[in-house]
């Protein structure tokens, strides 16, 4: 999951996005979520760099089997 709240131009900022990402990830990984018992990776703001996102996607697909479900969620501009 990738959520970016902070942008260099103040009017572009989305104050709730990073927090929403963390809450959605918590729900997805909870006992009521689709990914209960599995890792839900969250990258927000300064961790959501191009290199960071590409590395996280690479890791997910390297470790996924043919029957796994992969969910990628992006929020921001």
C-alpha atoms as a PDB file:
ATOM      1  CA  UNK A   1       0.000   0.000   0.000  1.00  0.00           C
ATOM      2  CA  UNK A   2       1.337   3.406  -0.980  1.00  0.00           C
ATOM      3  CA  UNK A   3      -0.044   6.655   0.373  1.00  0.00           C
ATOM      4  CA  UNK A   4       1.402  10.105  -0.105  1.00  0.00           C
ATOM      5  CA  UNK A   5       0.119  13.035   1.937  1.00  0.00           C
ATOM      6  CA  UNK A   6       3.074  15.402   1.725  1.00  0.00           C
ATOM      7  CA  UNK A   7       3.903  17.285  -1.461  1.00  0.00           C
ATOM      8  CA  UNK A   8       6.288  20.198  -2.019  1.00  0.00           C
ATOM      9  CA  UNK A   9       3.430  22.557  -2.888  1.00  0.00           C
ATOM     10  CA  UNK A  10       1.140  23.174   0.077  1.00  0.00           C
ATOM     11  CA  UNK A  11      -2.118  23.187  -1.903  1.00  0.00           C
ATOM     12  CA  UNK A  12      -1.333  19.682  -3.213  1.00  0.00           C
ATOM     13  CA  UNK A  13      -1.046  18.148   0.272  1.00  0.00           C
ATOM     14  CA  UNK A  14      -3.553  15.478   1.252  1.00  0.00           C
ATOM     15  CA  UNK A  15      -3.384  15.391   5.055  1.00  0.00           C
ATOM     16  CA  UNK A  16      -5.501  12.265   5.583  1.00  0.00           C
ATOM     17  CA  UNK A  17      -3.982   9.925   2.987  1.00  0.00           C
ATOM     18  CA  UNK A  18      -1.052   8.484   4.977  1.00  0.00           C
ATOM     19  CA  UNK A  19      -3.241   7.851   8.026  1.00  0.00           C
ATOM     20  CA  UNK A  20      -5.951   6.277   5.881  1.00  0.00           C
ATOM     21  CA  UNK A  21      -3.358   3.938   4.366  1.00  0.00           C
ATOM     22  CA  UNK A  22      -2.253   2.752   7.792  1.00  0.00           C
ATOM     23  CA  UNK A  23      -5.853   2.172   8.896  1.00  0.00           C
ATOM     24  CA  UNK A  24      -6.769   0.260   5.723  1.00  0.00           C
ATOM     25  CA  UNK A  25      -3.633  -1.886   6.103  1.00  0.00           C
ATOM     26  CA  UNK A  26      -4.563  -2.638   9.708  1.00  0.00           C
ATOM     27  CA  UNK A  27      -8.059  -3.685   8.631  1.00  0.00           C
ATOM     28  CA  UNK A  28      -6.790  -5.847   5.747  1.00  0.00           C
ATOM     29  CA  UNK A  29      -4.381  -7.651   8.070  1.00  0.00           C
ATOM     30  CA  UNK A  30      -6.911  -8.060  10.895  1.00  0.00           C
ATOM     31  CA  UNK A  31      -8.915 -11.201  11.615  1.00  0.00           C
ATOM     32  CA  UNK A  32     -11.761  -9.654   9.587  1.00  0.00           C
ATOM     33  CA  UNK A  33      -9.548  -8.702   6.637  1.00  0.00           C
ATOM     34  CA  UNK A  34      -8.768 -10.443   3.377  1.00  0.00           C
ATOM     35  CA  UNK A  35      -5.066 -10.714   4.293  1.00  0.00           C
ATOM     36  CA  UNK A  36      -5.371 -11.944   7.883  1.00  0.00           C
ATOM     37  CA  UNK A  37      -2.137 -13.566   8.989  1.00  0.00           C
ATOM     38  CA  UNK A  38      -0.177 -12.080   6.105  1.00  0.00           C
ATOM     39  CA  UNK A  39       2.107  -9.115   5.885  1.00  0.00           C
ATOM     40  CA  UNK A  40       0.609  -5.853   4.604  1.00  0.00           C
ATOM     41  CA  UNK A  41       3.402  -3.500   3.571  1.00  0.00           C
ATOM     42  CA  UNK A  42       2.705   0.240   3.882  1.00  0.00           C
ATOM     43  CA  UNK A  43       4.857   2.960   2.351  1.00  0.00           C
ATOM     44  CA  UNK A  44       3.920   6.549   3.143  1.00  0.00           C
ATOM     45  CA  UNK A  45       5.376   9.928   2.279  1.00  0.00           C
ATOM     46  CA  UNK A  46       9.211   9.881   2.320  1.00  0.00           C
ATOM     47  CA  UNK A  47       9.280   6.047   2.256  1.00  0.00           C
ATOM     48  CA  UNK A  48       7.118   6.016  -0.881  1.00  0.00           C
ATOM     49  CA  UNK A  49       9.972   6.859  -3.230  1.00  0.00           C
ATOM     50  CA  UNK A  50      10.176   5.376  -6.704  1.00  0.00           C
ATOM     51  CA  UNK A  51      12.963   3.044  -5.538  1.00  0.00           C
ATOM     52  CA  UNK A  52      11.064   2.072  -2.377  1.00  0.00           C
ATOM     53  CA  UNK A  53       7.847   1.303  -4.235  1.00  0.00           C
ATOM     54  CA  UNK A  54       9.594  -0.696  -6.965  1.00  0.00           C
ATOM     55  CA  UNK A  55      11.536  -2.694  -4.368  1.00  0.00           C
ATOM     56  CA  UNK A  56       8.365  -3.484  -2.409  1.00  0.00           C
ATOM     57  CA  UNK A  57       6.559  -4.611  -5.574  1.00  0.00           C
ATOM     58  CA  UNK A  58       9.536  -6.742  -6.606  1.00  0.00           C
ATOM     59  CA  UNK A  59       9.606  -8.437  -3.192  1.00  0.00           C
ATOM     60  CA  UNK A  60       5.877  -9.145  -3.282  1.00  0.00           C
ATOM     61  CA  UNK A  61       5.997 -10.777  -6.694  1.00  0.00           C
ATOM     62  CA  UNK A  62       9.178 -12.715  -5.945  1.00  0.00           C
ATOM     63  CA  UNK A  63       7.511 -14.271  -2.898  1.00  0.00           C
ATOM     64  CA  UNK A  64       4.038 -14.807  -4.395  1.00  0.00           C
ATOM     65  CA  UNK A  65       2.896 -18.144  -5.728  1.00  0.00           C
ATOM     66  CA  UNK A  66       0.527 -18.675  -8.662  1.00  0.00           C
ATOM     67  CA  UNK A  67      -2.468 -19.041  -6.316  1.00  0.00           C
ATOM     68  CA  UNK A  68      -1.744 -15.966  -4.188  1.00  0.00           C
ATOM     69  CA  UNK A  69      -3.745 -12.758  -4.353  1.00  0.00           C
ATOM     70  CA  UNK A  70      -1.696  -9.576  -4.647  1.00  0.00           C
ATOM     71  CA  UNK A  71      -3.368  -6.277  -3.798  1.00  0.00           C
ATOM     72  CA  UNK A  72      -1.628  -2.980  -4.569  1.00  0.00           C
ATOM     73  CA  UNK A  73      -3.290   0.175  -3.335  1.00  0.00           C
ATOM     74  CA  UNK A  74      -2.072   3.642  -4.315  1.00  0.00           C
ATOM     75  CA  UNK A  75      -3.408   6.915  -2.911  1.00  0.00           C
ATOM     76  CA  UNK A  76      -2.124  10.376  -3.748  1.00  0.00           C
ATOM     77  CA  UNK A  77      -1.837  12.611  -6.804  1.00  0.00           C
END
